[in-house]
Every structure is written in C-alpha cells, then in structure tokens.
Amino acid sequence: MDITAGSSTNQTSSGYSPATMTVNVGDAVTWTNDDNAVHTVTADKGGFYSGDLKPGQSFSFVFLTAGNYTYHCNYHGWMKGTIVVQKHA
C-alpha cells in the first residue's frame, strides 16, 4: 500500500494506492510514504494510527477482526482509504 507521490497537493487523488484493499484476518498491511510531505494513516473509528510518516517511512498493522476499516490522513482531509478484512474461506 502506497501513499502516492503528489497526494499532498492533488485533492482529486485518494492519496492511498490502492484506495481499497481486501485482505484476510491475520494479514498485515504496510503503508509506505512515497510523497514528499508528512502523512498519517489514521483509522476513522480508532484501532490504528501511524503517527507522522515522513517521506520514505512505513507503517504496518495486522488486522485480527473481519470488517471494513476506513482511514484518512490527519493533514490532508481528501486522503481516504478502506481496508476490507474477510475471514479465511
């Protein structure tokens, strides 16, 4: 999962690529800041928070419960994403 280059100024971009990702319970997701500005990965309803991610830094989180997890950047309100966590088939 990438925080896309230019997302701090491109308000038509979700800022996260892909904007929606589907994973299984127990999977880790890693976000890497490929932009030249500081960003965050902040769960809308709590549960995970990256703190400030400077350019080149990464943050990982393991999803242990099925559900839809929406998140955003604290600094750039147009940056939004969703992680869909499903039970193993």
PDB file of N, CA and C in Angstrom:
ATOM      1  N   MET A   1       0.865  -1.154   0.000  1.00  0.00           N
ATOM      2  CA  MET A   1       0.000   0.000   0.000  1.00  0.00           C
ATOM      3  C   MET A   1       0.912   1.217   0.000  1.00  0.00           C
ATOM      4  N   ASP A   2       0.661   2.133  -0.916  1.00  0.00           N
ATOM      5  CA  ASP A   2       1.497   3.325  -1.019  1.00  0.00           C
ATOM      6  C   ASP A   2       0.707   4.587  -0.740  1.00  0.00           C
ATOM      7  N   ILE A   3       1.370   5.542  -0.130  1.00  0.00           N
ATOM      8  CA  ILE A   3       0.884   6.908  -0.098  1.00  0.00           C
ATOM      9  C   ILE A   3       1.515   7.542  -1.327  1.00  0.00           C
ATOM     10  N   THR A   4       0.708   7.901  -2.292  1.00  0.00           N
ATOM     11  CA  THR A   4       1.203   8.238  -3.617  1.00  0.00           C
ATOM     12  C   THR A   4       1.906   9.592  -3.666  1.00  0.00           C
ATOM     13  N   ALA A   5       2.902   9.653  -4.529  1.00  0.00           N
ATOM     14  CA  ALA A   5       3.629  10.898  -4.754  1.00  0.00           C
ATOM     15  C   ALA A   5       2.659  11.955  -5.246  1.00  0.00           C
ATOM     16  N   GLY A   6       2.773  13.147  -4.705  1.00  0.00           N
ATOM     17  CA  GLY A   6       1.914  14.254  -5.100  1.00  0.00           C
ATOM     18  C   GLY A   6       0.575  14.311  -4.388  1.00  0.00           C
ATOM     19  N   SER A   7       0.304  13.341  -3.514  1.00  0.00           N
ATOM     20  CA  SER A   7      -1.014  13.293  -2.867  1.00  0.00           C
ATOM     21  C   SER A   7      -1.247  14.463  -1.905  1.00  0.00           C
ATOM     22  N   SER A   8      -0.190  15.097  -1.449  1.00  0.00           N
ATOM     23  CA  SER A   8      -0.367  16.224  -0.529  1.00  0.00           C
ATOM     24  C   SER A   8      -0.915  17.456  -1.233  1.00  0.00           C
ATOM     25  N   THR A   9      -0.817  17.498  -2.549  1.00  0.00           N
ATOM     26  CA  THR A   9      -1.319  18.653  -3.301  1.00  0.00           C
ATOM     27  C   THR A   9      -2.426  18.300  -4.282  1.00  0.00           C
ATOM     28  N   ASN A  10      -2.607  17.026  -4.603  1.00  0.00           N
ATOM     29  CA  ASN A  10      -3.616  16.599  -5.571  1.00  0.00           C
ATOM     30  C   ASN A  10      -4.902  16.210  -4.840  1.00  0.00           C
ATOM     31  N   GLN A  11      -5.817  17.139  -4.737  1.00  0.00           N
ATOM     32  CA  GLN A  11      -7.032  16.899  -3.973  1.00  0.00           C
ATOM     33  C   GLN A  11      -8.035  16.006  -4.693  1.00  0.00           C
ATOM     34  N   THR A  12      -7.753  15.593  -5.915  1.00  0.00           N
ATOM     35  CA  THR A  12      -8.628  14.655  -6.615  1.00  0.00           C
ATOM     36  C   THR A  12      -8.167  13.217  -6.429  1.00  0.00           C
ATOM     37  N   SER A  13      -7.045  13.028  -5.766  1.00  0.00           N
ATOM     38  CA  SER A  13      -6.490  11.700  -5.518  1.00  0.00           C
ATOM     39  C   SER A  13      -6.927  11.207  -4.149  1.00  0.00           C
ATOM     40  N   SER A  14      -7.155   9.895  -4.029  1.00  0.00           N
ATOM     41  CA  SER A  14      -7.446   9.339  -2.699  1.00  0.00           C
ATOM     42  C   SER A  14      -6.197   9.405  -1.831  1.00  0.00           C
ATOM     43  N   GLY A  15      -5.035   9.490  -2.468  1.00  0.00           N
ATOM     44  CA  GLY A  15      -3.779   9.574  -1.735  1.00  0.00           C
ATOM     45  C   GLY A  15      -3.186   8.234  -1.359  1.00  0.00           C
ATOM     46  N   TYR A  16      -4.013   7.210  -1.323  1.00  0.00           N
ATOM     47  CA  TYR A  16      -3.567   5.859  -0.988  1.00  0.00           C
ATOM     48  C   TYR A  16      -3.790   4.964  -2.203  1.00  0.00           C
ATOM     49  N   SER A  17      -2.817   4.141  -2.497  1.00  0.00           N
ATOM     50  CA  SER A  17      -2.941   3.259  -3.669  1.00  0.00           C
ATOM     51  C   SER A  17      -2.639   1.823  -3.264  1.00  0.00           C
ATOM     52  N   PRO A  18      -3.646   0.956  -3.433  1.00  0.00           N
ATOM     53  CA  PRO A  18      -4.998   1.222  -3.926  1.00  0.00           C
ATOM     54  C   PRO A  18      -5.842   1.900  -2.843  1.00  0.00           C
ATOM     55  N   ALA A  19      -6.925   2.554  -3.267  1.00  0.00           N
ATOM     56  CA  ALA A  19      -7.804   3.238  -2.318  1.00  0.00           C
ATOM     57  C   ALA A  19      -8.555   2.237  -1.444  1.00  0.00           C
ATOM     58  N   THR A  20      -8.836   1.056  -1.989  1.00  0.00           N
ATOM     59  CA  THR A  20      -9.478  -0.025  -1.238  1.00  0.00           C
ATOM     60  C   THR A  20      -8.676  -1.293  -1.424  1.00  0.00           C
ATOM     61  N   MET A  21      -8.418  -1.976  -0.330  1.00  0.00           N
ATOM     62  CA  MET A  21      -7.658  -3.234  -0.375  1.00  0.00           C
ATOM     63  C   MET A  21      -8.401  -4.280   0.425  1.00  0.00           C
ATOM     64  N   THR A  22      -8.467  -5.503  -0.096  1.00  0.00           N
ATOM     65  CA  THR A  22      -9.094  -6.621   0.611  1.00  0.00           C
ATOM     66  C   THR A  22      -7.999  -7.574   1.090  1.00  0.00           C
ATOM     67  N   VAL A  23      -8.063  -7.918   2.378  1.00  0.00           N
ATOM     68  CA  VAL A  23      -7.092  -8.833   2.983  1.00  0.00           C
ATOM     69  C   VAL A  23      -7.850  -9.850   3.836  1.00  0.00           C
ATOM     70  N   ASN A  24      -7.151 -10.847   4.314  1.00  0.00           N
ATOM     71  CA  ASN A  24      -7.725 -11.845   5.213  1.00  0.00           C
ATOM     72  C   ASN A  24      -7.402 -11.510   6.662  1.00  0.00           C
ATOM     73  N   VAL A  25      -8.240 -11.995   7.572  1.00  0.00           N
ATOM     74  CA  VAL A  25      -7.958 -11.859   9.002  1.00  0.00           C
ATOM     75  C   VAL A  25      -6.550 -12.393   9.270  1.00  0.00           C
ATOM     76  N   GLY A  26      -5.772 -11.648  10.006  1.00  0.00           N
ATOM     77  CA  GLY A  26      -4.407 -12.038  10.345  1.00  0.00           C
ATOM     78  C   GLY A  26      -3.356 -11.468   9.414  1.00  0.00           C
ATOM     79  N   ASP A  27      -3.786 -10.868   8.305  1.00  0.00           N
ATOM     80  CA  ASP A  27      -2.833 -10.272   7.366  1.00  0.00           C
ATOM     81  C   ASP A  27      -2.352  -8.920   7.878  1.00  0.00           C
ATOM     82  N   ALA A  28      -1.121  -8.594   7.532  1.00  0.00           N
ATOM     83  CA  ALA A  28      -0.566  -7.274   7.820  1.00  0.00           C
ATOM     84  C   ALA A  28      -0.659  -6.427   6.560  1.00  0.00           C
ATOM     85  N   VAL A  29      -0.930  -5.158   6.750  1.00  0.00           N
ATOM     86  CA  VAL A  29      -0.900  -4.182   5.662  1.00  0.00           C
ATOM     87  C   VAL A  29       0.198  -3.182   6.005  1.00  0.00           C
ATOM     88  N   THR A  30       1.028  -2.873   5.029  1.00  0.00           N
ATOM     89  CA  THR A  30       2.089  -1.892   5.209  1.00  0.00           C
ATOM     90  C   THR A  30       1.864  -0.732   4.263  1.00  0.00           C
ATOM     91  N   TRP A  31       1.857   0.471   4.802  1.00  0.00           N
ATOM     92  CA  TRP A  31       1.764   1.695   4.023  1.00  0.00           C
ATOM     93  C   TRP A  31       3.152   2.320   3.970  1.00  0.00           C
ATOM     94  N   THR A  32       3.568   2.789   2.801  1.00  0.00           N
ATOM     95  CA  THR A  32       4.845   3.472   2.633  1.00  0.00           C
ATOM     96  C   THR A  32       4.591   4.849   2.057  1.00  0.00           C
ATOM     97  N   ASN A  33       5.188   5.852   2.663  1.00  0.00           N
ATOM     98  CA  ASN A  33       5.000   7.223   2.205  1.00  0.00           C
ATOM     99  C   ASN A  33       5.939   7.515   1.035  1.00  0.00           C
ATOM    100  N   ASP A  34       5.380   7.529  -0.168  1.00  0.00           N
ATOM    101  CA  ASP A  34       6.139   7.831  -1.382  1.00  0.00           C
ATOM    102  C   ASP A  34       6.014   9.299  -1.793  1.00  0.00           C
ATOM    103  N   ASP A  35       5.413  10.108  -0.937  1.00  0.00           N
ATOM    104  CA  ASP A  35       5.246  11.532  -1.224  1.00  0.00           C
ATOM    105  C   ASP A  35       6.396  12.316  -0.578  1.00  0.00           C
ATOM    106  N   ASN A  36       6.439  13.618  -0.849  1.00  0.00           N
ATOM    107  CA  ASN A  36       7.490  14.449  -0.252  1.00  0.00           C
ATOM    108  C   ASN A  36       6.984  15.228   0.957  1.00  0.00           C
ATOM    109  N   ALA A  37       5.793  14.900   1.446  1.00  0.00           N
ATOM    110  CA  ALA A  37       5.208  15.553   2.618  1.00  0.00           C
ATOM    111  C   ALA A  37       4.925  14.517   3.706  1.00  0.00           C
ATOM    112  N   VAL A  38       4.740  14.986   4.920  1.00  0.00           N
ATOM    113  CA  VAL A  38       4.383  14.123   6.047  1.00  0.00           C
ATOM    114  C   VAL A  38       2.905  13.761   5.933  1.00  0.00           C
ATOM    115  N   HIS A  39       2.582  12.499   6.216  1.00  0.00           N
ATOM    116  CA  HIS A  39       1.208  11.999   6.189  1.00  0.00           C
ATOM    117  C   HIS A  39       0.980  11.114   7.408  1.00  0.00           C
ATOM    118  N   THR A  40      -0.291  10.740   7.610  1.00  0.00           N
ATOM    119  CA  THR A  40      -0.640   9.744   8.625  1.00  0.00           C
ATOM    120  C   THR A  40      -1.566   8.714   8.007  1.00  0.00           C
ATOM    121  N   VAL A  41      -1.674   7.588   8.681  1.00  0.00           N
ATOM    122  CA  VAL A  41      -2.681   6.565   8.393  1.00  0.00           C
ATOM    123  C   VAL A  41      -3.458   6.433   9.704  1.00  0.00           C
ATOM    124  N   THR A  42      -4.672   6.994   9.717  1.00  0.00           N
ATOM    125  CA  THR A  42      -5.442   7.118  10.946  1.00  0.00           C
ATOM    126  C   THR A  42      -6.808   6.467  10.767  1.00  0.00           C
ATOM    127  N   ALA A  43      -7.100   5.433  11.544  1.00  0.00           N
ATOM    128  CA  ALA A  43      -8.404   4.771  11.471  1.00  0.00           C
ATOM    129  C   ALA A  43      -9.498   5.745  11.869  1.00  0.00           C
ATOM    130  N   ASP A  44     -10.582   5.780  11.093  1.00  0.00           N
ATOM    131  CA  ASP A  44     -11.688   6.693  11.370  1.00  0.00           C
ATOM    132  C   ASP A  44     -12.331   6.416  12.716  1.00  0.00           C
ATOM    133  N   LYS A  45     -12.396   5.157  13.124  1.00  0.00           N
ATOM    134  CA  LYS A  45     -13.061   4.786  14.381  1.00  0.00           C
ATOM    135  C   LYS A  45     -12.068   4.293  15.426  1.00  0.00           C
ATOM    136  N   GLY A  46     -10.819   4.677  15.301  1.00  0.00           N
ATOM    137  CA  GLY A  46      -9.792   4.211  16.222  1.00  0.00           C
ATOM    138  C   GLY A  46      -9.328   2.816  15.829  1.00  0.00           C
ATOM    139  N   GLY A  47      -8.317   2.324  16.487  1.00  0.00           N
ATOM    140  CA  GLY A  47      -7.833   0.975  16.210  1.00  0.00           C
ATOM    141  C   GLY A  47      -6.418   0.948  15.672  1.00  0.00           C
ATOM    142  N   PHE A  48      -6.074   1.926  14.837  1.00  0.00           N
ATOM    143  CA  PHE A  48      -4.689   2.027  14.381  1.00  0.00           C
ATOM    144  C   PHE A  48      -4.364   3.468  14.023  1.00  0.00           C
ATOM    145  N   TYR A  49      -3.096   3.805  14.209  1.00  0.00           N
ATOM    146  CA  TYR A  49      -2.608   5.155  13.935  1.00  0.00           C
ATOM    147  C   TYR A  49      -1.114   5.072  13.691  1.00  0.00           C
ATOM    148  N   SER A  50      -0.676   5.601  12.586  1.00  0.00           N
ATOM    149  CA  SER A  50       0.732   5.513  12.212  1.00  0.00           C
ATOM    150  C   SER A  50       1.616   6.544  12.890  1.00  0.00           C
ATOM    151  N   GLY A  51       1.023   7.606  13.408  1.00  0.00           N
ATOM    152  CA  GLY A  51       1.840   8.765  13.775  1.00  0.00           C
ATOM    153  C   GLY A  51       2.308   9.415  12.479  1.00  0.00           C
ATOM    154  N   ASP A  52       3.172  10.404  12.594  1.00  0.00           N
ATOM    155  CA  ASP A  52       3.675  11.079  11.397  1.00  0.00           C
ATOM    156  C   ASP A  52       4.592  10.161  10.605  1.00  0.00           C
ATOM    157  N   LEU A  53       4.279  10.023   9.320  1.00  0.00           N
ATOM    158  CA  LEU A  53       5.136   9.258   8.405  1.00  0.00           C
ATOM    159  C   LEU A  53       5.856  10.242   7.497  1.00  0.00           C
ATOM    160  N   LYS A  54       7.138  10.389   7.714  1.00  0.00           N
ATOM    161  CA  LYS A  54       7.944  11.252   6.852  1.00  0.00           C
ATOM    162  C   LYS A  54       8.175  10.539   5.524  1.00  0.00           C
ATOM    163  N   PRO A  55       8.581  11.275   4.494  1.00  0.00           N
ATOM    164  CA  PRO A  55       8.864  10.634   3.205  1.00  0.00           C
ATOM    165  C   PRO A  55       9.793   9.432   3.373  1.00  0.00           C
ATOM    166  N   GLY A  56       9.386   8.307   2.775  1.00  0.00           N
ATOM    167  CA  GLY A  56      10.175   7.076   2.830  1.00  0.00           C
ATOM    168  C   GLY A  56       9.875   6.179   4.010  1.00  0.00           C
ATOM    169  N   GLN A  57       9.162   6.662   5.012  1.00  0.00           N
ATOM    170  CA  GLN A  57       8.850   5.837   6.174  1.00  0.00           C
ATOM    171  C   GLN A  57       7.643   4.954   5.906  1.00  0.00           C
ATOM    172  N   SER A  58       7.547   3.859   6.681  1.00  0.00           N
ATOM    173  CA  SER A  58       6.458   2.891   6.543  1.00  0.00           C
ATOM    174  C   SER A  58       5.801   2.634   7.885  1.00  0.00           C
ATOM    175  N   PHE A  59       4.576   2.124   7.797  1.00  0.00           N
ATOM    176  CA  PHE A  59       3.786   1.732   8.971  1.00  0.00           C
ATOM    177  C   PHE A  59       3.054   0.450   8.624  1.00  0.00           C
ATOM    178  N   SER A  60       3.051  -0.518   9.540  1.00  0.00           N
ATOM    179  CA  SER A  60       2.345  -1.787   9.330  1.00  0.00           C
ATOM    180  C   SER A  60       1.338  -2.018  10.443  1.00  0.00           C
ATOM    181  N   PHE A  61       0.246  -2.693  10.077  1.00  0.00           N
ATOM    182  CA  PHE A  61      -0.784  -3.053  11.054  1.00  0.00           C
ATOM    183  C   PHE A  61      -1.347  -4.415  10.680  1.00  0.00           C
ATOM    184  N   VAL A  62      -1.532  -5.275  11.691  1.00  0.00           N
ATOM    185  CA  VAL A  62      -2.112  -6.602  11.483  1.00  0.00           C
ATOM    186  C   VAL A  62      -3.595  -6.530  11.841  1.00  0.00           C
ATOM    187  N   PHE A  63      -4.448  -6.956  10.896  1.00  0.00           N
ATOM    188  CA  PHE A  63      -5.897  -6.922  11.093  1.00  0.00           C
ATOM    189  C   PHE A  63      -6.366  -8.280  11.619  1.00  0.00           C
ATOM    190  N   LEU A  64      -6.900  -8.287  12.845  1.00  0.00           N
ATOM    191  CA  LEU A  64      -7.280  -9.532  13.512  1.00  0.00           C
ATOM    192  C   LEU A  64      -8.781  -9.801  13.500  1.00  0.00           C
ATOM    193  N   THR A  65      -9.568  -8.827  13.068  1.00  0.00           N
ATOM    194  CA  THR A  65     -11.022  -8.956  13.085  1.00  0.00           C
ATOM    195  C   THR A  65     -11.581  -8.581  11.723  1.00  0.00           C
ATOM    196  N   ALA A  66     -12.514  -9.404  11.221  1.00  0.00           N
ATOM    197  CA  ALA A  66     -13.160  -9.113   9.933  1.00  0.00           C
ATOM    198  C   ALA A  66     -13.973  -7.824  10.034  1.00  0.00           C
ATOM    199  N   GLY A  67     -14.041  -7.108   8.920  1.00  0.00           N
ATOM    200  CA  GLY A  67     -14.831  -5.883   8.865  1.00  0.00           C
ATOM    201  C   GLY A  67     -14.249  -4.905   7.862  1.00  0.00           C
ATOM    202  N   ASN A  68     -14.885  -3.756   7.759  1.00  0.00           N
ATOM    203  CA  ASN A  68     -14.409  -2.684   6.893  1.00  0.00           C
ATOM    204  C   ASN A  68     -13.779  -1.607   7.754  1.00  0.00           C
ATOM    205  N   TYR A  69     -12.558  -1.235   7.426  1.00  0.00           N
ATOM    206  CA  TYR A  69     -11.809  -0.249   8.189  1.00  0.00           C
ATOM    207  C   TYR A  69     -11.505   0.940   7.289  1.00  0.00           C
ATOM    208  N   THR A  70     -12.145   2.064   7.577  1.00  0.00           N
ATOM    209  CA  THR A  70     -11.876   3.277   6.813  1.00  0.00           C
ATOM    210  C   THR A  70     -10.822   4.090   7.563  1.00  0.00           C
ATOM    211  N   TYR A  71     -10.026   4.809   6.791  1.00  0.00           N
ATOM    212  CA  TYR A  71      -8.943   5.587   7.392  1.00  0.00           C
ATOM    213  C   TYR A  71      -8.676   6.835   6.554  1.00  0.00           C
ATOM    214  N   HIS A  72      -7.866   7.727   7.107  1.00  0.00           N
ATOM    215  CA  HIS A  72      -7.587   9.009   6.462  1.00  0.00           C
ATOM    216  C   HIS A  72      -6.227   9.536   6.902  1.00  0.00           C
ATOM    217  N   CYS A  73      -5.814  10.609   6.261  1.00  0.00           N
ATOM    218  CA  CYS A  73      -4.617  11.352   6.668  1.00  0.00           C
ATOM    219  C   CYS A  73      -5.065  12.544   7.510  1.00  0.00           C
ATOM    220  N   ASN A  74      -4.453  12.730   8.664  1.00  0.00           N
ATOM    221  CA  ASN A  74      -4.824  13.849   9.534  1.00  0.00           C
ATOM    222  C   ASN A  74      -4.521  15.212   8.918  1.00  0.00           C
ATOM    223  N   TYR A  75      -3.557  15.271   7.999  1.00  0.00           N
ATOM    224  CA  TYR A  75      -3.130  16.545   7.429  1.00  0.00           C
ATOM    225  C   TYR A  75      -3.821  16.885   6.110  1.00  0.00           C
ATOM    226  N   HIS A  76      -4.307  15.881   5.427  1.00  0.00           N
ATOM    227  CA  HIS A  76      -4.885  16.085   4.092  1.00  0.00           C
ATOM    228  C   HIS A  76      -6.235  15.380   4.047  1.00  0.00           C
ATOM    229  N   GLY A  77      -7.304  16.120   4.327  1.00  0.00           N
ATOM    230  CA  GLY A  77      -8.636  15.550   4.516  1.00  0.00           C
ATOM    231  C   GLY A  77      -9.203  14.807   3.319  1.00  0.00           C
ATOM    232  N   TRP A  78      -8.688  15.070   2.123  1.00  0.00           N
ATOM    233  CA  TRP A  78      -9.174  14.360   0.929  1.00  0.00           C
ATOM    234  C   TRP A  78      -8.570  12.967   0.801  1.00  0.00           C
ATOM    235  N   MET A  79      -7.549  12.672   1.571  1.00  0.00           N
ATOM    236  CA  MET A  79      -6.902  11.354   1.500  1.00  0.00           C
ATOM    237  C   MET A  79      -7.680  10.371   2.357  1.00  0.00           C
ATOM    238  N   LYS A  80      -8.298   9.394   1.691  1.00  0.00           N
ATOM    239  CA  LYS A  80      -9.126   8.407   2.400  1.00  0.00           C
ATOM    240  C   LYS A  80      -8.918   7.036   1.773  1.00  0.00           C
ATOM    241  N   GLY A  81      -9.030   6.006   2.591  1.00  0.00           N
ATOM    242  CA  GLY A  81      -8.908   4.641   2.092  1.00  0.00           C
ATOM    243  C   GLY A  81      -9.741   3.686   2.921  1.00  0.00           C
ATOM    244  N   THR A  82      -9.831   2.459   2.427  1.00  0.00           N
ATOM    245  CA  THR A  82     -10.590   1.408   3.107  1.00  0.00           C
ATOM    246  C   THR A  82      -9.835   0.091   3.031  1.00  0.00           C
ATOM    247  N   ILE A  83      -9.771  -0.607   4.152  1.00  0.00           N
ATOM    248  CA  ILE A  83      -9.273  -1.968   4.179  1.00  0.00           C
ATOM    249  C   ILE A  83     -10.465  -2.865   4.490  1.00  0.00           C
ATOM    250  N   VAL A  84     -10.735  -3.823   3.611  1.00  0.00           N
ATOM    251  CA  VAL A  84     -11.795  -4.813   3.810  1.00  0.00           C
ATOM    252  C   VAL A  84     -11.109  -6.080   4.310  1.00  0.00           C
ATOM    253  N   VAL A  85     -11.465  -6.500   5.519  1.00  0.00           N
ATOM    254  CA  VAL A  85     -10.855  -7.676   6.130  1.00  0.00           C
ATOM    255  C   VAL A  85     -11.898  -8.785   6.153  1.00  0.00           C
ATOM    256  N   GLN A  86     -11.574  -9.894   5.506  1.00  0.00           N
ATOM    257  CA  GLN A  86     -12.510 -11.012   5.418  1.00  0.00           C
ATOM    258  C   GLN A  86     -11.957 -12.230   6.138  1.00  0.00           C
ATOM    259  N   LYS A  87     -12.879 -13.091   6.571  1.00  0.00           N
ATOM    260  CA  LYS A  87     -12.478 -14.350   7.189  1.00  0.00           C
ATOM    261  C   LYS A  87     -11.904 -15.255   6.110  1.00  0.00           C
ATOM    262  N   HIS A  88     -10.984 -16.119   6.516  1.00  0.00           N
ATOM    263  CA  HIS A  88     -10.425 -17.090   5.561  1.00  0.00           C
ATOM    264  C   HIS A  88     -11.543 -17.955   5.007  1.00  0.00           C
ATOM    265  N   ALA A  89     -11.475 -18.210   3.726  1.00  0.00           N
ATOM    266  CA  ALA A  89     -12.508 -19.043   3.065  1.00  0.00           C
ATOM    267  C   ALA A  89     -12.358 -20.494   3.446  1.00  0.00           C
TER     268      ALA A  89
END
